[in-house]
Every structure is written in C-alpha cells, then in structure tokens.
C-alpha cells in the first residue's frame, strides 16, 4: 500500500492540473484561437507579416507569442480577462510596453481580425475595424496549418 501511495498522489495531482485549464484558456479554445495565425502562413514572419501564436495553459495564464523576425518586437505575453462575447467575437487583454491593451476579435471561418482595441490609459486604437491613427481597415489573419 505504501508503494501505491506516491503513484496515486501523482495520478491525482497530474489529473487535477491537466483538467484545470482555467477560464481564459477555455475561452481561447472554445473560440478556436489556439494555434498560429498570420496574413500569409507560407511566408516568413516579418514586420509586414507577423505570426501570432496563442497557447492555452494548464498551469496559469495562456500566452500570445508575437514573431515578426525582429528582437525589438518579438515577445511572449500572458493573456488575461478572456471573454467569449458571442460565437464570433472574443475579448482579451494583455500588457504591451507597460500598458494593458484590450482587443475584441471578430472571427469569420478560419480568419480573425481586431474590430475594437483600447488601452488601459484610455486611448482607442481600433474602432469598428478601423485603425484610428491611419484610417485603414484592420487586416484579416488566417489560421496556419499544424
């Protein structure tokens, strides 16, 4: 029996941690955001074609990895306050350059784009799918295979 106790504890603890993904990871998974996204999955990551990889976590906050082929831009950031607003809209927040950014993503099939984005200090970056400082529509990104 004493030999079985460590094995039973490992199974219990392992099962508990694997079963608990957390509400933020659950919402990302339900929305279908887990995986890599880019405007052109066949091209290399660049400033014009950044790759974003969303990873669920069994042990804490999920993450968003930004890869643009530039060490000044490339980073991994925890995601929090993820809410599935509707079947095709997801809200999430992350910290970037010391400021909390909140984004609402719109999903259409295997592609997504930001339609709203605000900062914790009150700035609106995207409204109605339009980037406020350029007047351009936000870009759709597609889910990359694999």
N, C-alpha and C. Protein backbone atom coordinates (compact mmCIF):
# COMPACT_ATOMS: atom_id res chain seq x y z
N UNK A 1 0.82 -1.19 0.00
CA UNK A 1 0.00 0.00 0.00
C UNK A 1 0.87 1.26 0.00
N UNK A 2 1.96 1.27 0.79
CA UNK A 2 2.81 2.46 0.84
C UNK A 2 3.50 2.70 -0.49
N UNK A 3 3.71 1.67 -1.29
CA UNK A 3 4.30 1.85 -2.61
C UNK A 3 3.29 2.47 -3.58
N UNK A 4 2.02 2.19 -3.36
CA UNK A 4 0.98 2.72 -4.24
C UNK A 4 0.64 4.18 -3.95
N UNK A 5 0.89 4.63 -2.72
CA UNK A 5 0.53 5.99 -2.32
C UNK A 5 1.18 7.06 -3.20
N UNK A 6 2.52 7.02 -3.45
CA UNK A 6 3.11 8.03 -4.33
C UNK A 6 2.51 8.00 -5.73
N UNK A 7 2.24 6.80 -6.26
CA UNK A 7 1.64 6.68 -7.58
C UNK A 7 0.25 7.28 -7.61
N UNK A 8 -0.55 7.01 -6.58
CA UNK A 8 -1.90 7.56 -6.53
C UNK A 8 -1.86 9.09 -6.41
N UNK A 9 -0.93 9.61 -5.62
CA UNK A 9 -0.80 11.07 -5.50
C UNK A 9 -0.41 11.70 -6.83
N UNK A 10 0.52 11.05 -7.55
CA UNK A 10 0.93 11.58 -8.85
C UNK A 10 -0.26 11.60 -9.81
N UNK A 11 -1.03 10.53 -9.82
CA UNK A 11 -2.18 10.46 -10.71
C UNK A 11 -3.22 11.52 -10.35
N UNK A 12 -3.47 11.68 -9.06
CA UNK A 12 -4.44 12.69 -8.62
C UNK A 12 -3.98 14.10 -8.96
N UNK A 13 -2.74 14.40 -8.63
CA UNK A 13 -2.22 15.74 -8.90
C UNK A 13 -2.09 15.99 -10.39
N UNK A 14 -1.61 15.00 -11.12
CA UNK A 14 -1.49 15.15 -12.57
C UNK A 14 -2.84 15.31 -13.22
N UNK A 15 -3.82 14.55 -12.77
CA UNK A 15 -5.17 14.66 -13.33
C UNK A 15 -5.79 15.99 -12.99
N UNK A 16 -5.56 16.50 -11.79
CA UNK A 16 -6.15 17.78 -11.39
C UNK A 16 -5.55 18.91 -12.20
N UNK A 17 -4.24 18.90 -12.42
CA UNK A 17 -3.63 20.01 -13.15
C UNK A 17 -3.98 19.94 -14.63
N UNK A 18 -4.11 18.73 -15.18
CA UNK A 18 -4.46 18.62 -16.59
C UNK A 18 -5.91 19.01 -16.82
N UNK A 19 -6.78 18.77 -15.85
CA UNK A 19 -8.19 19.09 -16.02
C UNK A 19 -8.45 20.57 -15.86
N UNK A 20 -7.60 21.28 -15.11
CA UNK A 20 -7.83 22.69 -14.86
C UNK A 20 -7.05 23.51 -15.88
N UNK A 21 -7.73 24.00 -16.87
CA UNK A 21 -7.07 24.86 -17.84
C UNK A 21 -7.34 26.31 -17.52
N UNK A 22 -8.36 26.60 -16.77
CA UNK A 22 -8.70 27.97 -16.43
C UNK A 22 -9.66 28.57 -17.43
N UNK A 23 -10.45 29.53 -16.99
CA UNK A 23 -11.46 30.11 -17.87
C UNK A 23 -10.88 30.85 -19.08
N UNK A 24 -9.70 31.49 -18.93
CA UNK A 24 -9.12 32.20 -20.07
C UNK A 24 -8.71 31.22 -21.17
N UNK A 25 -8.03 30.15 -20.79
CA UNK A 25 -7.63 29.13 -21.78
C UNK A 25 -8.85 28.46 -22.38
N UNK A 26 -9.86 28.20 -21.55
CA UNK A 26 -11.09 27.57 -22.05
C UNK A 26 -11.76 28.44 -23.11
N UNK A 27 -11.83 29.75 -22.87
CA UNK A 27 -12.47 30.66 -23.83
C UNK A 27 -11.67 30.73 -25.13
N UNK A 28 -10.33 30.77 -25.04
CA UNK A 28 -9.50 30.77 -26.25
C UNK A 28 -9.73 29.50 -27.06
N UNK A 29 -9.80 28.38 -26.37
CA UNK A 29 -10.01 27.09 -27.02
C UNK A 29 -11.39 27.02 -27.67
N UNK A 30 -12.39 27.45 -26.94
CA UNK A 30 -13.77 27.41 -27.46
C UNK A 30 -13.91 28.29 -28.70
N UNK A 31 -13.24 29.43 -28.72
CA UNK A 31 -13.29 30.34 -29.85
C UNK A 31 -12.50 29.81 -31.05
N UNK A 32 -11.55 28.89 -30.78
CA UNK A 32 -10.72 28.33 -31.85
C UNK A 32 -9.47 29.14 -32.12
N UNK A 33 -9.01 29.91 -31.13
CA UNK A 33 -7.86 30.79 -31.34
C UNK A 33 -6.53 30.10 -31.07
N UNK A 34 -6.54 28.94 -30.43
CA UNK A 34 -5.30 28.25 -30.12
C UNK A 34 -4.61 27.86 -31.43
N UNK A 35 -3.32 28.19 -31.54
CA UNK A 35 -2.55 27.91 -32.74
C UNK A 35 -1.91 29.17 -33.28
N UNK A 36 -1.36 29.08 -34.48
CA UNK A 36 -0.65 30.21 -35.11
C UNK A 36 -1.51 30.86 -36.18
N UNK A 37 -1.37 32.19 -36.26
CA UNK A 37 -2.14 33.00 -37.19
C UNK A 37 -1.21 33.98 -37.90
N UNK A 38 -1.46 34.24 -39.19
CA UNK A 38 -0.68 35.21 -39.96
C UNK A 38 -1.48 35.61 -41.19
N UNK A 39 -1.09 36.72 -41.79
CA UNK A 39 -1.72 37.13 -43.05
C UNK A 39 -1.36 36.14 -44.15
N UNK A 40 -0.09 35.66 -44.14
CA UNK A 40 0.38 34.70 -45.13
C UNK A 40 1.21 33.64 -44.41
N UNK A 41 0.61 32.50 -44.16
CA UNK A 41 1.28 31.44 -43.41
C UNK A 41 2.46 30.84 -44.16
N UNK A 42 2.51 30.98 -45.49
CA UNK A 42 3.60 30.39 -46.27
C UNK A 42 4.82 31.30 -46.31
N UNK A 43 4.68 32.56 -45.91
CA UNK A 43 5.81 33.50 -45.89
C UNK A 43 6.44 33.51 -44.50
N UNK A 44 7.66 33.95 -44.43
CA UNK A 44 8.37 34.03 -43.14
C UNK A 44 7.79 35.15 -42.28
N UNK A 45 7.89 35.00 -40.96
CA UNK A 45 7.47 36.10 -40.09
C UNK A 45 8.28 37.36 -40.37
N UNK A 46 7.59 38.50 -40.41
CA UNK A 46 8.24 39.79 -40.66
C UNK A 46 7.36 40.88 -40.06
N UNK A 47 7.85 42.11 -40.09
CA UNK A 47 7.03 43.22 -39.59
C UNK A 47 5.75 43.36 -40.41
N UNK A 48 5.82 43.05 -41.71
CA UNK A 48 4.64 43.13 -42.57
C UNK A 48 3.76 41.88 -42.46
N UNK A 49 4.32 40.78 -41.93
CA UNK A 49 3.60 39.51 -41.82
C UNK A 49 3.92 38.85 -40.48
N UNK A 50 3.53 39.50 -39.37
CA UNK A 50 3.84 38.90 -38.08
C UNK A 50 2.99 37.64 -37.84
N UNK A 51 3.58 36.69 -37.16
CA UNK A 51 2.87 35.49 -36.73
C UNK A 51 2.48 35.67 -35.27
N UNK A 52 1.26 35.29 -34.93
CA UNK A 52 0.80 35.30 -33.55
C UNK A 52 0.40 33.88 -33.20
N UNK A 53 0.99 33.37 -32.13
CA UNK A 53 0.66 32.02 -31.68
C UNK A 53 0.03 32.10 -30.31
N UNK A 54 -1.15 31.54 -30.19
CA UNK A 54 -1.90 31.54 -28.93
C UNK A 54 -1.80 30.14 -28.32
N UNK A 55 -1.39 30.09 -27.05
CA UNK A 55 -1.15 28.83 -26.36
C UNK A 55 -1.96 28.80 -25.08
N UNK A 56 -2.78 27.75 -24.91
CA UNK A 56 -3.52 27.56 -23.66
C UNK A 56 -2.54 27.06 -22.61
N UNK A 57 -2.92 27.20 -21.35
CA UNK A 57 -2.06 26.76 -20.27
C UNK A 57 -2.85 25.95 -19.25
N UNK A 58 -2.23 24.89 -18.77
CA UNK A 58 -2.81 24.12 -17.68
C UNK A 58 -2.36 24.65 -16.32
N UNK A 59 -1.42 25.58 -16.29
CA UNK A 59 -0.79 25.98 -15.03
C UNK A 59 -0.86 27.48 -14.76
N UNK A 60 -1.49 28.26 -15.58
CA UNK A 60 -1.55 29.70 -15.37
C UNK A 60 -2.24 30.36 -16.55
N UNK A 61 -1.79 31.57 -16.83
CA UNK A 61 -2.42 32.33 -17.92
C UNK A 61 -1.98 31.79 -19.28
N UNK A 62 -2.89 31.80 -20.25
CA UNK A 62 -2.48 31.47 -21.62
C UNK A 62 -1.55 32.56 -22.14
N UNK A 63 -0.88 32.30 -23.25
CA UNK A 63 0.06 33.28 -23.78
C UNK A 63 -0.20 33.57 -25.25
N UNK A 64 0.30 34.71 -25.66
CA UNK A 64 0.31 35.13 -27.06
C UNK A 64 1.76 35.39 -27.41
N UNK A 65 2.28 34.67 -28.40
CA UNK A 65 3.64 34.87 -28.85
C UNK A 65 3.59 35.64 -30.17
N UNK A 66 4.27 36.77 -30.21
CA UNK A 66 4.35 37.59 -31.42
C UNK A 66 5.72 37.38 -32.03
N UNK A 67 5.75 36.96 -33.30
CA UNK A 67 7.00 36.73 -34.01
C UNK A 67 6.98 37.55 -35.30
N UNK A 68 7.89 38.54 -35.37
CA UNK A 68 7.98 39.37 -36.56
C UNK A 68 9.40 39.36 -37.13
N UNK A 69 10.26 38.49 -36.60
CA UNK A 69 11.63 38.43 -37.08
C UNK A 69 12.47 39.60 -36.63
N UNK A 70 12.03 40.29 -35.57
CA UNK A 70 12.73 41.46 -35.05
C UNK A 70 12.78 41.36 -33.53
N UNK A 71 13.98 41.25 -32.94
CA UNK A 71 14.06 41.07 -31.48
C UNK A 71 13.46 42.23 -30.69
N UNK A 72 13.30 43.40 -31.30
CA UNK A 72 12.67 44.52 -30.60
C UNK A 72 11.16 44.38 -30.53
N UNK A 73 10.60 43.55 -31.40
CA UNK A 73 9.15 43.36 -31.47
C UNK A 73 8.72 41.99 -30.95
N UNK A 74 9.53 40.97 -31.23
CA UNK A 74 9.18 39.60 -30.85
C UNK A 74 9.05 39.50 -29.33
N UNK A 75 7.98 38.85 -28.87
CA UNK A 75 7.78 38.70 -27.43
C UNK A 75 6.70 37.67 -27.15
N UNK A 76 6.70 37.20 -25.91
CA UNK A 76 5.65 36.33 -25.40
C UNK A 76 4.98 37.08 -24.27
N UNK A 77 3.66 37.17 -24.33
CA UNK A 77 2.94 37.92 -23.29
C UNK A 77 1.76 37.10 -22.77
N UNK A 78 1.56 37.13 -21.45
CA UNK A 78 0.39 36.46 -20.88
C UNK A 78 -0.90 37.16 -21.31
N UNK A 79 -1.94 36.38 -21.48
CA UNK A 79 -3.26 36.90 -21.84
C UNK A 79 -4.17 36.72 -20.63
N UNK A 80 -5.04 37.68 -20.39
CA UNK A 80 -5.97 37.57 -19.27
C UNK A 80 -7.31 38.19 -19.64
N UNK A 81 -8.28 38.01 -18.77
CA UNK A 81 -9.63 38.57 -18.94
C UNK A 81 -10.23 38.20 -20.31
N UNK A 82 -10.10 36.92 -20.68
CA UNK A 82 -10.62 36.45 -21.96
C UNK A 82 -12.10 36.14 -21.79
N UNK A 83 -12.91 36.74 -22.67
CA UNK A 83 -14.36 36.54 -22.61
C UNK A 83 -14.89 36.25 -24.01
N UNK A 84 -15.60 35.15 -24.14
CA UNK A 84 -16.29 34.85 -25.39
C UNK A 84 -17.55 35.69 -25.41
N UNK A 85 -17.54 36.77 -26.18
CA UNK A 85 -18.64 37.73 -26.21
C UNK A 85 -19.83 37.13 -26.94
N UNK A 86 -19.58 36.61 -28.13
CA UNK A 86 -20.57 35.87 -28.92
C UNK A 86 -19.81 34.76 -29.62
N UNK A 87 -20.48 33.96 -30.41
CA UNK A 87 -19.80 32.88 -31.12
C UNK A 87 -18.71 33.36 -32.05
N UNK A 88 -18.83 34.61 -32.55
CA UNK A 88 -17.83 35.11 -33.50
C UNK A 88 -17.01 36.28 -32.95
N UNK A 89 -17.12 36.58 -31.65
CA UNK A 89 -16.37 37.68 -31.04
C UNK A 89 -15.76 37.26 -29.71
N UNK A 90 -14.48 37.59 -29.56
CA UNK A 90 -13.74 37.26 -28.35
C UNK A 90 -13.00 38.51 -27.88
N UNK A 91 -13.09 38.77 -26.56
CA UNK A 91 -12.35 39.90 -25.98
C UNK A 91 -11.23 39.33 -25.12
N UNK A 92 -10.04 39.94 -25.24
CA UNK A 92 -8.90 39.52 -24.43
C UNK A 92 -8.02 40.72 -24.13
N UNK A 93 -7.22 40.60 -23.08
CA UNK A 93 -6.32 41.67 -22.68
C UNK A 93 -4.92 41.13 -22.46
N UNK A 94 -3.93 41.99 -22.68
CA UNK A 94 -2.53 41.66 -22.44
C UNK A 94 -1.78 42.97 -22.19
N UNK A 95 -0.61 42.85 -21.59
CA UNK A 95 0.19 44.04 -21.35
C UNK A 95 1.24 44.17 -22.44
N UNK A 96 1.35 45.39 -22.99
CA UNK A 96 2.34 45.66 -24.03
C UNK A 96 2.98 47.01 -23.72
N UNK A 97 4.28 47.01 -23.59
CA UNK A 97 5.03 48.23 -23.28
C UNK A 97 4.49 48.93 -22.04
N UNK A 98 4.13 48.15 -21.03
CA UNK A 98 3.68 48.71 -19.76
C UNK A 98 2.24 49.18 -19.73
N UNK A 99 1.49 48.95 -20.80
CA UNK A 99 0.09 49.38 -20.87
C UNK A 99 -0.78 48.18 -21.18
N UNK A 100 -1.92 48.07 -20.50
CA UNK A 100 -2.86 46.99 -20.79
C UNK A 100 -3.62 47.33 -22.07
N UNK A 101 -3.64 46.39 -23.00
CA UNK A 101 -4.36 46.53 -24.26
C UNK A 101 -5.50 45.52 -24.25
N UNK A 102 -6.70 45.96 -24.57
CA UNK A 102 -7.86 45.08 -24.67
C UNK A 102 -8.33 45.09 -26.12
N UNK A 103 -8.52 43.90 -26.67
CA UNK A 103 -8.88 43.74 -28.08
C UNK A 103 -10.14 42.90 -28.18
N UNK A 104 -11.02 43.25 -29.10
CA UNK A 104 -12.14 42.39 -29.48
C UNK A 104 -11.84 41.87 -30.87
N UNK A 105 -11.80 40.55 -31.00
CA UNK A 105 -11.54 39.91 -32.28
C UNK A 105 -12.85 39.44 -32.91
N UNK A 106 -12.95 39.57 -34.21
CA UNK A 106 -14.07 39.06 -34.99
C UNK A 106 -13.56 37.85 -35.76
N UNK A 107 -14.29 36.75 -35.70
CA UNK A 107 -13.90 35.53 -36.41
C UNK A 107 -14.87 35.25 -37.53
N UNK A 108 -14.31 34.89 -38.69
CA UNK A 108 -15.11 34.51 -39.85
C UNK A 108 -14.45 33.27 -40.45
N UNK A 109 -14.98 32.11 -40.15
CA UNK A 109 -14.37 30.86 -40.62
C UNK A 109 -13.02 30.65 -39.98
N UNK A 110 -11.97 30.54 -40.81
CA UNK A 110 -10.63 30.31 -40.28
C UNK A 110 -9.80 31.60 -40.25
N UNK A 111 -10.47 32.75 -40.20
CA UNK A 111 -9.74 34.02 -40.14
C UNK A 111 -10.30 34.91 -39.04
N UNK A 112 -9.44 35.78 -38.51
CA UNK A 112 -9.84 36.73 -37.47
C UNK A 112 -9.21 38.08 -37.75
N UNK A 113 -9.82 39.11 -37.16
CA UNK A 113 -9.23 40.45 -37.20
C UNK A 113 -9.74 41.24 -36.02
N UNK A 114 -8.95 42.20 -35.55
CA UNK A 114 -9.43 43.05 -34.45
C UNK A 114 -10.46 44.04 -34.95
N UNK A 115 -11.55 44.18 -34.19
CA UNK A 115 -12.55 45.18 -34.57
C UNK A 115 -12.65 46.30 -33.54
N UNK A 116 -12.14 46.05 -32.33
CA UNK A 116 -12.07 47.08 -31.29
C UNK A 116 -10.76 46.89 -30.54
N UNK A 117 -10.13 47.98 -30.14
CA UNK A 117 -8.93 47.89 -29.32
C UNK A 117 -8.77 49.19 -28.54
N UNK A 118 -8.61 49.04 -27.23
CA UNK A 118 -8.41 50.20 -26.36
C UNK A 118 -7.25 49.90 -25.41
N UNK A 119 -6.70 50.96 -24.85
CA UNK A 119 -5.62 50.81 -23.88
C UNK A 119 -6.13 51.18 -22.49
N UNK A 120 -5.45 50.69 -21.50
CA UNK A 120 -5.83 50.97 -20.12
C UNK A 120 -5.74 52.43 -19.76
N UNK A 121 -4.98 53.21 -20.53
CA UNK A 121 -4.88 54.64 -20.26
C UNK A 121 -5.88 55.46 -21.08
N UNK A 122 -6.86 54.78 -21.71
CA UNK A 122 -7.98 55.48 -22.33
C UNK A 122 -7.89 55.74 -23.83
N UNK A 123 -6.84 55.29 -24.50
CA UNK A 123 -6.75 55.51 -25.94
C UNK A 123 -7.52 54.45 -26.72
N UNK A 124 -8.14 54.85 -27.81
CA UNK A 124 -8.79 53.92 -28.73
C UNK A 124 -7.85 53.70 -29.90
N UNK A 125 -7.45 52.46 -30.10
CA UNK A 125 -6.54 52.13 -31.19
C UNK A 125 -7.30 51.67 -32.44
N UNK A 126 -8.36 50.90 -32.21
CA UNK A 126 -9.19 50.38 -33.31
C UNK A 126 -10.65 50.57 -32.91
N UNK A 127 -11.44 51.07 -33.84
CA UNK A 127 -12.88 51.21 -33.61
C UNK A 127 -13.62 50.81 -34.88
N UNK A 128 -14.57 49.88 -34.74
CA UNK A 128 -15.33 49.43 -35.90
C UNK A 128 -14.47 48.78 -36.97
N UNK A 129 -13.34 48.19 -36.55
CA UNK A 129 -12.44 47.54 -37.52
C UNK A 129 -11.52 48.51 -38.24
N UNK A 130 -11.50 49.77 -37.82
CA UNK A 130 -10.66 50.80 -38.45
C UNK A 130 -9.55 51.21 -37.48
N UNK A 131 -8.30 51.17 -37.96
CA UNK A 131 -7.16 51.63 -37.16
C UNK A 131 -7.24 53.15 -37.07
N UNK A 132 -7.32 53.67 -35.86
CA UNK A 132 -7.61 55.09 -35.66
C UNK A 132 -6.50 56.03 -36.15
N UNK A 133 -5.23 55.64 -36.04
CA UNK A 133 -4.18 56.57 -36.47
C UNK A 133 -3.89 56.53 -37.97
N UNK A 134 -4.45 55.55 -38.71
CA UNK A 134 -4.22 55.51 -40.17
C UNK A 134 -5.50 55.57 -40.98
N UNK A 135 -6.63 55.23 -40.39
CA UNK A 135 -7.88 55.18 -41.14
C UNK A 135 -8.04 53.91 -41.96
N UNK A 136 -7.08 52.99 -41.85
CA UNK A 136 -7.12 51.74 -42.63
C UNK A 136 -7.93 50.68 -41.88
N UNK A 137 -8.53 49.79 -42.65
CA UNK A 137 -9.24 48.66 -42.07
C UNK A 137 -8.22 47.68 -41.49
N UNK A 138 -8.56 47.05 -40.36
CA UNK A 138 -7.66 46.05 -39.79
C UNK A 138 -7.54 44.86 -40.73
N UNK A 139 -6.40 44.19 -40.65
CA UNK A 139 -6.09 43.09 -41.55
C UNK A 139 -6.62 41.77 -41.00
N UNK A 140 -7.18 40.98 -41.90
CA UNK A 140 -7.56 39.61 -41.54
C UNK A 140 -6.30 38.77 -41.47
N UNK A 141 -6.24 37.86 -40.50
CA UNK A 141 -5.20 36.85 -40.44
C UNK A 141 -5.87 35.50 -40.45
N UNK A 142 -5.18 34.51 -41.01
CA UNK A 142 -5.75 33.17 -41.12
C UNK A 142 -5.02 32.21 -40.20
N UNK A 143 -5.70 31.13 -39.85
CA UNK A 143 -5.09 30.11 -39.00
C UNK A 143 -4.14 29.28 -39.86
N UNK A 144 -2.92 29.17 -39.39
CA UNK A 144 -1.90 28.42 -40.13
C UNK A 144 -2.04 26.94 -39.83
N UNK A 145 -1.74 26.09 -40.83
CA UNK A 145 -1.83 24.66 -40.59
C UNK A 145 -0.79 24.21 -39.56
N UNK A 146 -1.15 23.12 -38.88
CA UNK A 146 -0.19 22.50 -37.97
C UNK A 146 -0.38 22.88 -36.61
